[in-house]
PDB file of N, CA and C in Angstrom:
ATOM      1  N   UNK A   1       0.486  -1.390  -0.057  1.00  0.00           N
ATOM      2  CA  UNK A   1      -0.037  -0.095  -0.113  1.00  0.00           C
ATOM      3  C   UNK A   1       0.596   1.101   0.308  1.00  0.00           C
ATOM      4  N   UNK A   2       0.555   2.254  -0.481  1.00  0.00           N
ATOM      5  CA  UNK A   2       1.095   3.749  -0.776  1.00  0.00           C
ATOM      6  C   UNK A   2       0.752   4.451   0.186  1.00  0.00           C
ATOM      7  N   UNK A   3       1.542   4.890   0.985  1.00  0.00           N
ATOM      8  CA  UNK A   3       1.404   5.988   2.300  1.00  0.00           C
ATOM      9  C   UNK A   3       1.316   7.189   1.246  1.00  0.00           C
ATOM     10  N   UNK A   4       0.968   8.166   1.240  1.00  0.00           N
ATOM     11  CA  UNK A   4       0.731   9.075   0.433  1.00  0.00           C
ATOM     12  C   UNK A   4       1.481  10.288   1.044  1.00  0.00           C
ATOM     13  N   UNK A   5       1.480  10.192   2.253  1.00  0.00           N
ATOM     14  CA  UNK A   5       2.267  11.213   3.102  1.00  0.00           C
ATOM     15  C   UNK A   5       3.810  10.578   3.491  1.00  0.00           C
ATOM     16  N   UNK A   6       4.000   9.592   2.970  1.00  0.00           N
ATOM     17  CA  UNK A   6       5.746   9.461   3.507  1.00  0.00           C
ATOM     18  C   UNK A   6       6.085   9.179   2.143  1.00  0.00           C
ATOM     19  N   UNK A   7       7.476   9.810   2.365  1.00  0.00           N
ATOM     20  CA  UNK A   7       8.324  10.200   0.755  1.00  0.00           C
ATOM     21  C   UNK A   7       9.047   8.701   0.732  1.00  0.00           C
ATOM     22  N   UNK A   8       8.708   8.428  -0.795  1.00  0.00           N
ATOM     23  CA  UNK A   8       9.235   7.145  -1.003  1.00  0.00           C
ATOM     24  C   UNK A   8      10.893   6.809  -1.170  1.00  0.00           C
ATOM     25  N   UNK A   9      11.675   5.879  -0.275  1.00  0.00           N
ATOM     26  CA  UNK A   9      12.916   6.011  -0.155  1.00  0.00           C
ATOM     27  C   UNK A   9      13.842   5.522  -1.549  1.00  0.00           C
ATOM     28  N   UNK A  10      13.922   6.495  -2.978  1.00  0.00           N
ATOM     29  CA  UNK A  10      14.412   6.277  -3.978  1.00  0.00           C
ATOM     30  C   UNK A  10      15.504   5.594  -4.093  1.00  0.00           C
ATOM     31  N   UNK A  11      16.583   5.844  -2.809  1.00  0.00           N
ATOM     32  CA  UNK A  11      18.040   4.688  -3.085  1.00  0.00           C
ATOM     33  C   UNK A  11      17.594   3.058  -3.134  1.00  0.00           C
ATOM     34  N   UNK A  12      16.574   2.937  -2.867  1.00  0.00           N
ATOM     35  CA  UNK A  12      16.419   1.564  -2.222  1.00  0.00           C
ATOM     36  C   UNK A  12      16.004   0.618  -3.685  1.00  0.00           C
ATOM     37  N   UNK A  13      16.070   1.692  -4.606  1.00  0.00           N
ATOM     38  CA  UNK A  13      15.423   1.072  -6.254  1.00  0.00           C
ATOM     39  C   UNK A  13      16.653   1.475  -7.324  1.00  0.00           C
ATOM     40  N   UNK A  14      16.694   0.802  -7.928  1.00  0.00           N
ATOM     41  CA  UNK A  14      17.376   0.461  -9.214  1.00  0.00           C
ATOM     42  C   UNK A  14      17.218   1.912 -10.286  1.00  0.00           C
ATOM     43  N   UNK A  15      18.233   2.576 -10.564  1.00  0.00           N
ATOM     44  CA  UNK A  15      17.245   3.849 -11.058  1.00  0.00           C
ATOM     45  C   UNK A  15      16.096   3.913 -12.472  1.00  0.00           C
ATOM     46  N   UNK A  16      16.534   2.835 -13.300  1.00  0.00           N
ATOM     47  CA  UNK A  16      14.815   2.818 -13.823  1.00  0.00           C
ATOM     48  C   UNK A  16      14.092   1.856 -13.361  1.00  0.00           C
ATOM     49  N   UNK A  17      13.852   1.362 -11.783  1.00  0.00           N
ATOM     50  CA  UNK A  17      12.548   0.945 -11.412  1.00  0.00           C
ATOM     51  C   UNK A  17      12.000   2.531 -10.251  1.00  0.00           C
ATOM     52  N   UNK A  18      13.017   3.611 -10.576  1.00  0.00           N
ATOM     53  CA  UNK A  18      13.029   4.222  -9.389  1.00  0.00           C
ATOM     54  C   UNK A  18      11.718   5.370 -10.450  1.00  0.00           C
ATOM     55  N   UNK A  19      12.236   5.386 -11.443  1.00  0.00           N
ATOM     56  CA  UNK A  19      11.350   6.197 -12.155  1.00  0.00           C
ATOM     57  C   UNK A  19       9.976   5.885 -12.946  1.00  0.00           C
ATOM     58  N   UNK A  20       9.727   3.995 -12.508  1.00  0.00           N
ATOM     59  CA  UNK A  20       8.174   3.716 -12.509  1.00  0.00           C
ATOM     60  C   UNK A  20       7.556   3.628 -11.488  1.00  0.00           C
ATOM     61  N   UNK A  21       8.116   3.720 -10.124  1.00  0.00           N
ATOM     62  CA  UNK A  21       7.774   3.466  -8.998  1.00  0.00           C
ATOM     63  C   UNK A  21       7.130   4.846  -9.080  1.00  0.00           C
ATOM     64  N   UNK A  22       8.134   6.112  -9.743  1.00  0.00           N
ATOM     65  CA  UNK A  22       7.924   7.274  -9.012  1.00  0.00           C
ATOM     66  C   UNK A  22       6.187   7.799 -10.148  1.00  0.00           C
ATOM     67  N   UNK A  23       6.513   7.028 -10.974  1.00  0.00           N
ATOM     68  CA  UNK A  23       5.141   7.686 -12.001  1.00  0.00           C
ATOM     69  C   UNK A  23       3.997   6.889 -10.904  1.00  0.00           C
ATOM     70  N   UNK A  24       4.226   5.822 -10.425  1.00  0.00           N
ATOM     71  CA  UNK A  24       3.040   4.881  -9.928  1.00  0.00           C
ATOM     72  C   UNK A  24       2.267   5.765  -8.815  1.00  0.00           C
ATOM     73  N   UNK A  25       3.473   5.994  -7.785  1.00  0.00           N
ATOM     74  CA  UNK A  25       3.141   7.101  -6.825  1.00  0.00           C
ATOM     75  C   UNK A  25       2.671   8.264  -7.379  1.00  0.00           C
ATOM     76  N   UNK A  26       2.465   8.574  -8.370  1.00  0.00           N
ATOM     77  CA  UNK A  26       2.048   9.772  -8.721  1.00  0.00           C
ATOM     78  C   UNK A  26       0.517  10.008  -9.179  1.00  0.00           C
ATOM     79  N   UNK A  27       0.230   8.635  -9.662  1.00  0.00           N
ATOM     80  CA  UNK A  27      -1.467   8.162  -9.589  1.00  0.00           C
ATOM     81  C   UNK A  27      -2.119   8.305  -8.353  1.00  0.00           C
ATOM     82  N   UNK A  28      -1.821   8.085  -7.144  1.00  0.00           N
ATOM     83  CA  UNK A  28      -2.232   8.190  -6.005  1.00  0.00           C
ATOM     84  C   UNK A  28      -2.528   9.504  -5.195  1.00  0.00           C
ATOM     85  N   UNK A  29      -3.159  10.154  -5.778  1.00  0.00           N
ATOM     86  CA  UNK A  29      -3.175  11.408  -5.431  1.00  0.00           C
ATOM     87  C   UNK A  29      -4.491  11.338  -4.714  1.00  0.00           C
ATOM     88  N   UNK A  30      -4.689  12.936  -3.509  1.00  0.00           N
ATOM     89  CA  UNK A  30      -5.506  12.259  -2.725  1.00  0.00           C
ATOM     90  C   UNK A  30      -7.198  12.876  -3.156  1.00  0.00           C
ATOM     91  N   UNK A  31      -8.216  11.913  -2.760  1.00  0.00           N
ATOM     92  CA  UNK A  31      -9.245  12.347  -3.676  1.00  0.00           C
ATOM     93  C   UNK A  31     -10.397  11.758  -2.789  1.00  0.00           C
ATOM     94  N   UNK A  32     -11.067  12.722  -1.938  1.00  0.00           N
ATOM     95  CA  UNK A  32     -11.893  11.888  -1.029  1.00  0.00           C
ATOM     96  C   UNK A  32     -13.410  12.405  -1.015  1.00  0.00           C
ATOM     97  N   UNK A  33     -14.541  11.692  -1.691  1.00  0.00           N
ATOM     98  CA  UNK A  33     -15.957  12.002  -2.466  1.00  0.00           C
ATOM     99  C   UNK A  33     -16.514  12.851  -0.991  1.00  0.00           C
ATOM    100  N   UNK A  34     -16.159  11.489   0.303  1.00  0.00           N
ATOM    101  CA  UNK A  34     -16.844  12.077   1.076  1.00  0.00           C
ATOM    102  C   UNK A  34     -16.526  13.273   2.205  1.00  0.00           C
ATOM    103  N   UNK A  35     -15.584  14.101   1.329  1.00  0.00           N
ATOM    104  CA  UNK A  35     -15.757  15.696   2.202  1.00  0.00           C
ATOM    105  C   UNK A  35     -15.759  15.899   0.780  1.00  0.00           C
ATOM    106  N   UNK A  36     -16.351  15.673  -0.165  1.00  0.00           N
ATOM    107  CA  UNK A  36     -16.553  16.772  -0.979  1.00  0.00           C
ATOM    108  C   UNK A  36     -15.844  16.851  -1.875  1.00  0.00           C
ATOM    109  N   UNK A  37     -14.961  16.049  -2.397  1.00  0.00           N
ATOM    110  CA  UNK A  37     -14.040  16.731  -3.284  1.00  0.00           C
ATOM    111  C   UNK A  37     -14.700  16.547  -4.628  1.00  0.00           C
ATOM    112  N   UNK A  38     -13.895  17.313  -5.683  1.00  0.00           N
ATOM    113  CA  UNK A  38     -14.768  16.801  -6.856  1.00  0.00           C
ATOM    114  C   UNK A  38     -13.703  15.761  -7.765  1.00  0.00           C
ATOM    115  N   UNK A  39     -14.179  15.123  -8.694  1.00  0.00           N
ATOM    116  CA  UNK A  39     -13.157  14.442  -9.363  1.00  0.00           C
ATOM    117  C   UNK A  39     -12.189  15.246 -10.016  1.00  0.00           C
ATOM    118  N   UNK A  40     -10.802  14.691  -9.581  1.00  0.00           N
ATOM    119  CA  UNK A  40     -10.396  15.614 -10.682  1.00  0.00           C
ATOM    120  C   UNK A  40      -9.825  15.049 -11.938  1.00  0.00           C
ATOM    121  N   UNK A  41      -9.323  16.340 -12.328  1.00  0.00           N
ATOM    122  CA  UNK A  41      -8.703  15.671 -14.302  1.00  0.00           C
ATOM    123  C   UNK A  41      -7.954  15.092 -13.989  1.00  0.00           C
ATOM    124  N   UNK A  42      -6.892  15.555 -13.279  1.00  0.00           N
ATOM    125  CA  UNK A  42      -5.724  14.891 -13.477  1.00  0.00           C
ATOM    126  C   UNK A  42      -5.953  13.325 -13.138  1.00  0.00           C
ATOM    127  N   UNK A  43      -4.975  12.207 -14.011  1.00  0.00           N
ATOM    128  CA  UNK A  43      -5.137  11.145 -13.868  1.00  0.00           C
ATOM    129  C   UNK A  43      -5.141  10.515 -12.057  1.00  0.00           C
ATOM    130  N   UNK A  44      -5.873   9.503 -11.927  1.00  0.00           N
ATOM    131  CA  UNK A  44      -5.996   9.536 -10.511  1.00  0.00           C
ATOM    132  C   UNK A  44      -6.252   8.147 -10.120  1.00  0.00           C
ATOM    133  N   UNK A  45      -5.982   6.694  -9.391  1.00  0.00           N
ATOM    134  CA  UNK A  45      -6.332   5.929  -9.324  1.00  0.00           C
ATOM    135  C   UNK A  45      -7.219   5.532  -8.623  1.00  0.00           C
ATOM    136  N   UNK A  46      -7.594   6.545  -7.460  1.00  0.00           N
ATOM    137  CA  UNK A  46      -8.740   6.600  -6.532  1.00  0.00           C
ATOM    138  C   UNK A  46      -9.772   7.177  -6.896  1.00  0.00           C
ATOM    139  N   UNK A  47      -9.659   8.151  -7.757  1.00  0.00           N
ATOM    140  CA  UNK A  47     -10.526   8.649  -8.534  1.00  0.00           C
ATOM    141  C   UNK A  47     -11.139   7.691  -9.063  1.00  0.00           C
ATOM    142  N   UNK A  48     -10.431   7.360 -10.440  1.00  0.00           N
ATOM    143  CA  UNK A  48     -10.800   5.698 -11.242  1.00  0.00           C
ATOM    144  C   UNK A  48     -11.575   5.170 -10.658  1.00  0.00           C
ATOM    145  N   UNK A  49     -11.276   4.375  -9.887  1.00  0.00           N
ATOM    146  CA  UNK A  49     -11.928   3.336  -9.008  1.00  0.00           C
ATOM    147  C   UNK A  49     -13.234   3.667  -8.702  1.00  0.00           C
ATOM    148  N   UNK A  50     -13.565   4.863  -8.229  1.00  0.00           N
ATOM    149  CA  UNK A  50     -14.431   5.195  -7.305  1.00  0.00           C
ATOM    150  C   UNK A  50     -15.375   6.556  -7.620  1.00  0.00           C
ATOM    151  N   UNK A  51     -15.052   7.146  -8.886  1.00  0.00           N
ATOM    152  CA  UNK A  51     -15.205   8.568  -9.291  1.00  0.00           C
ATOM    153  C   UNK A  51     -15.876   8.196 -10.859  1.00  0.00           C
ATOM    154  N   UNK A  52     -16.577   7.547 -11.382  1.00  0.00           N
ATOM    155  CA  UNK A  52     -17.284   7.378 -12.804  1.00  0.00           C
ATOM    156  C   UNK A  52     -17.360   8.881 -13.101  1.00  0.00           C
ATOM    157  N   UNK A  53     -16.912   9.375 -14.386  1.00  0.00           N
ATOM    158  CA  UNK A  53     -16.700  11.126 -14.424  1.00  0.00           C
ATOM    159  C   UNK A  53     -16.644  10.370 -15.849  1.00  0.00           C
ATOM    160  N   UNK A  54     -16.739  11.660 -16.532  1.00  0.00           N
ATOM    161  CA  UNK A  54     -16.036  12.122 -17.320  1.00  0.00           C
ATOM    162  C   UNK A  54     -14.505  12.752 -17.570  1.00  0.00           C
ATOM    163  N   UNK A  55     -14.854  13.452 -16.241  1.00  0.00           N
ATOM    164  CA  UNK A  55     -13.319  14.275 -15.925  1.00  0.00           C
ATOM    165  C   UNK A  55     -12.515  13.442 -15.675  1.00  0.00           C
ATOM    166  N   UNK A  56     -12.487  12.204 -15.099  1.00  0.00           N
ATOM    167  CA  UNK A  56     -11.104  11.069 -14.789  1.00  0.00           C
ATOM    168  C   UNK A  56     -11.348  10.393 -16.000  1.00  0.00           C
ATOM    169  N   UNK A  57     -11.984  10.075 -16.991  1.00  0.00           N
ATOM    170  CA  UNK A  57     -12.269   9.227 -17.843  1.00  0.00           C
ATOM    171  C   UNK A  57     -11.666  10.108 -19.139  1.00  0.00           C
ATOM    172  N   UNK A  58     -10.615  10.466 -19.712  1.00  0.00           N
ATOM    173  CA  UNK A  58     -10.910  11.205 -20.339  1.00  0.00           C
ATOM    174  C   UNK A  58      -9.273   9.942 -21.399  1.00  0.00           C
ATOM    175  N   UNK A  59      -8.984  10.882 -22.764  1.00  0.00           N
ATOM    176  CA  UNK A  59      -7.996   9.972 -23.621  1.00  0.00           C
ATOM    177  C   UNK A  59      -6.851   9.722 -23.030  1.00  0.00           C
ATOM    178  N   UNK A  60      -6.181  11.186 -22.467  1.00  0.00           N
ATOM    179  CA  UNK A  60      -4.933  11.480 -21.741  1.00  0.00           C
ATOM    180  C   UNK A  60      -4.710  10.633 -20.719  1.00  0.00           C
ATOM    181  N   UNK A  61      -5.694  10.676 -19.733  1.00  0.00           N
ATOM    182  CA  UNK A  61      -5.606   9.964 -18.398  1.00  0.00           C
ATOM    183  C   UNK A  61      -5.768   8.008 -18.963  1.00  0.00           C
ATOM    184  N   UNK A  62      -6.052   8.398 -19.800  1.00  0.00           N
ATOM    185  CA  UNK A  62      -6.036   6.548 -20.384  1.00  0.00           C
ATOM    186  C   UNK A  62      -5.027   6.318 -21.041  1.00  0.00           C
ATOM    187  N   UNK A  63      -4.322   7.325 -21.752  1.00  0.00           N
ATOM    188  CA  UNK A  63      -2.612   7.184 -22.185  1.00  0.00           C
ATOM    189  C   UNK A  63      -2.014   6.514 -21.058  1.00  0.00           C
ATOM    190  N   UNK A  64      -1.832   7.978 -19.912  1.00  0.00           N
ATOM    191  CA  UNK A  64      -1.369   7.897 -18.997  1.00  0.00           C
ATOM    192  C   UNK A  64      -1.250   7.275 -18.006  1.00  0.00           C
ATOM    193  N   UNK A  65      -2.607   6.042 -17.869  1.00  0.00           N
ATOM    194  CA  UNK A  65      -2.466   4.649 -17.332  1.00  0.00           C
ATOM    195  C   UNK A  65      -1.843   3.412 -17.770  1.00  0.00           C
ATOM    196  N   UNK A  66      -2.415   3.465 -19.271  1.00  0.00           N
ATOM    197  CA  UNK A  66      -1.421   2.242 -20.218  1.00  0.00           C
ATOM    198  C   UNK A  66      -0.208   2.518 -20.306  1.00  0.00           C
ATOM    199  N   UNK A  67      -0.081   3.662 -20.425  1.00  0.00           N
ATOM    200  CA  UNK A  67       1.601   3.909 -20.436  1.00  0.00           C
ATOM    201  C   UNK A  67       2.780   3.349 -19.244  1.00  0.00           C
ATOM    202  N   UNK A  68       1.473   3.970 -17.627  1.00  0.00           N
ATOM    203  CA  UNK A  68       2.049   3.234 -16.488  1.00  0.00           C
ATOM    204  C   UNK A  68       2.473   1.940 -16.889  1.00  0.00           C
ATOM    205  N   UNK A  69       1.309   0.849 -16.954  1.00  0.00           N
ATOM    206  CA  UNK A  69       1.284  -0.226 -16.841  1.00  0.00           C
ATOM    207  C   UNK A  69       2.256  -1.411 -17.991  1.00  0.00           C
ATOM    208  N   UNK A  70       2.368  -0.403 -18.875  1.00  0.00           N
ATOM    209  CA  UNK A  70       2.953  -0.784 -19.977  1.00  0.00           C
ATOM    210  C   UNK A  70       4.790  -0.896 -19.249  1.00  0.00           C
ATOM    211  N   UNK A  71       5.070   0.317 -19.053  1.00  0.00           N
ATOM    212  CA  UNK A  71       6.628   0.441 -17.919  1.00  0.00           C
ATOM    213  C   UNK A  71       6.479  -0.281 -16.598  1.00  0.00           C
ATOM    214  N   UNK A  72       5.508  -0.847 -16.015  1.00  0.00           N
ATOM    215  CA  UNK A  72       5.659  -1.695 -14.850  1.00  0.00           C
ATOM    216  C   UNK A  72       5.898  -3.380 -15.556  1.00  0.00           C
ATOM    217  N   UNK A  73       5.177  -3.430 -16.582  1.00  0.00           N
ATOM    218  CA  UNK A  73       5.916  -4.609 -17.291  1.00  0.00           C
ATOM    219  C   UNK A  73       6.792  -4.933 -17.427  1.00  0.00           C
ATOM    220  N   UNK A  74       7.568  -3.819 -18.400  1.00  0.00           N
ATOM    221  CA  UNK A  74       8.398  -3.726 -18.729  1.00  0.00           C
ATOM    222  C   UNK A  74       9.841  -3.950 -17.764  1.00  0.00           C
ATOM    223  N   UNK A  75       9.523  -3.125 -16.412  1.00  0.00           N
ATOM    224  CA  UNK A  75      10.469  -3.244 -15.147  1.00  0.00           C
ATOM    225  C   UNK A  75      10.320  -4.676 -15.151  1.00  0.00           C
ATOM    226  N   UNK A  76       8.948  -5.425 -14.768  1.00  0.00           N
ATOM    227  CA  UNK A  76       9.572  -6.421 -13.950  1.00  0.00           C
ATOM    228  C   UNK A  76       9.575  -7.685 -14.507  1.00  0.00           C
ATOM    229  N   UNK A  77       9.510  -7.615 -16.185  1.00  0.00           N
ATOM    230  CA  UNK A  77      10.408  -8.425 -17.419  1.00  0.00           C
ATOM    231  C   UNK A  77      11.108  -8.610 -17.360  1.00  0.00           C
ATOM    232  N   UNK A  78      12.030  -7.036 -17.337  1.00  0.00           N
ATOM    233  CA  UNK A  78      13.673  -6.958 -17.077  1.00  0.00           C
ATOM    234  C   UNK A  78      13.763  -7.151 -16.039  1.00  0.00           C
ATOM    235  N   UNK A  79      13.551  -7.345 -14.892  1.00  0.00           N
ATOM    236  CA  UNK A  79      14.240  -8.110 -13.756  1.00  0.00           C
ATOM    237  C   UNK A  79      14.351  -9.800 -13.713  1.00  0.00           C
ATOM    238  N   UNK A  80      13.233  -9.725 -13.968  1.00  0.00           N
ATOM    239  CA  UNK A  80      13.142 -11.447 -14.332  1.00  0.00           C
ATOM    240  C   UNK A  80      14.195 -11.638 -15.136  1.00  0.00           C
ATOM    241  N   UNK A  81      14.621 -11.191 -16.326  1.00  0.00           N
ATOM    242  CA  UNK A  81      15.546 -11.817 -17.014  1.00  0.00           C
ATOM    243  C   UNK A  81      16.791 -11.727 -16.340  1.00  0.00           C
ATOM    244  N   UNK A  82      17.188 -10.499 -16.186  1.00  0.00           N
ATOM    245  CA  UNK A  82      18.291 -10.515 -15.350  1.00  0.00           C
ATOM    246  C   UNK A  82      18.807 -11.354 -14.434  1.00  0.00           C
ATOM    247  N   UNK A  83      17.593 -11.591 -13.332  1.00  0.00           N
ATOM    248  CA  UNK A  83      18.051 -12.723 -12.373  1.00  0.00           C
ATOM    249  C   UNK A  83      18.043 -14.107 -13.265  1.00  0.00           C
ATOM    250  N   UNK A  84      17.383 -14.715 -14.452  1.00  0.00           N
ATOM    251  CA  UNK A  84      17.163 -16.128 -15.108  1.00  0.00           C
ATOM    252  C   UNK A  84      18.944 -15.789 -15.609  1.00  0.00           C
ATOM    253  N   UNK A  85      19.106 -14.740 -15.908  1.00  0.00           N
ATOM    254  CA  UNK A  85      20.790 -15.068 -16.535  1.00  0.00           C
ATOM    255  C   UNK A  85      21.513 -15.832 -15.828  1.00  0.00           C
TER     256      UNK A  85
END
């Protein structure tokens, strides 16, 4: 689970993985609909999961989500290839 209030220790990760984790952690913006927060226009995993709106479901946000998944899968694949060699 990502703690939004605690910074990530980037030194724990190889550089390529730090970039991927940085992109993923940016997707965990704060959004609390129970507090009256409006659904953000910026891509947010929480808003996507809990806020059904055209504000969140845009072509740009879809592209950002797809790019995040592809970069994570590539990092996982690369790490498995390195371990198997």
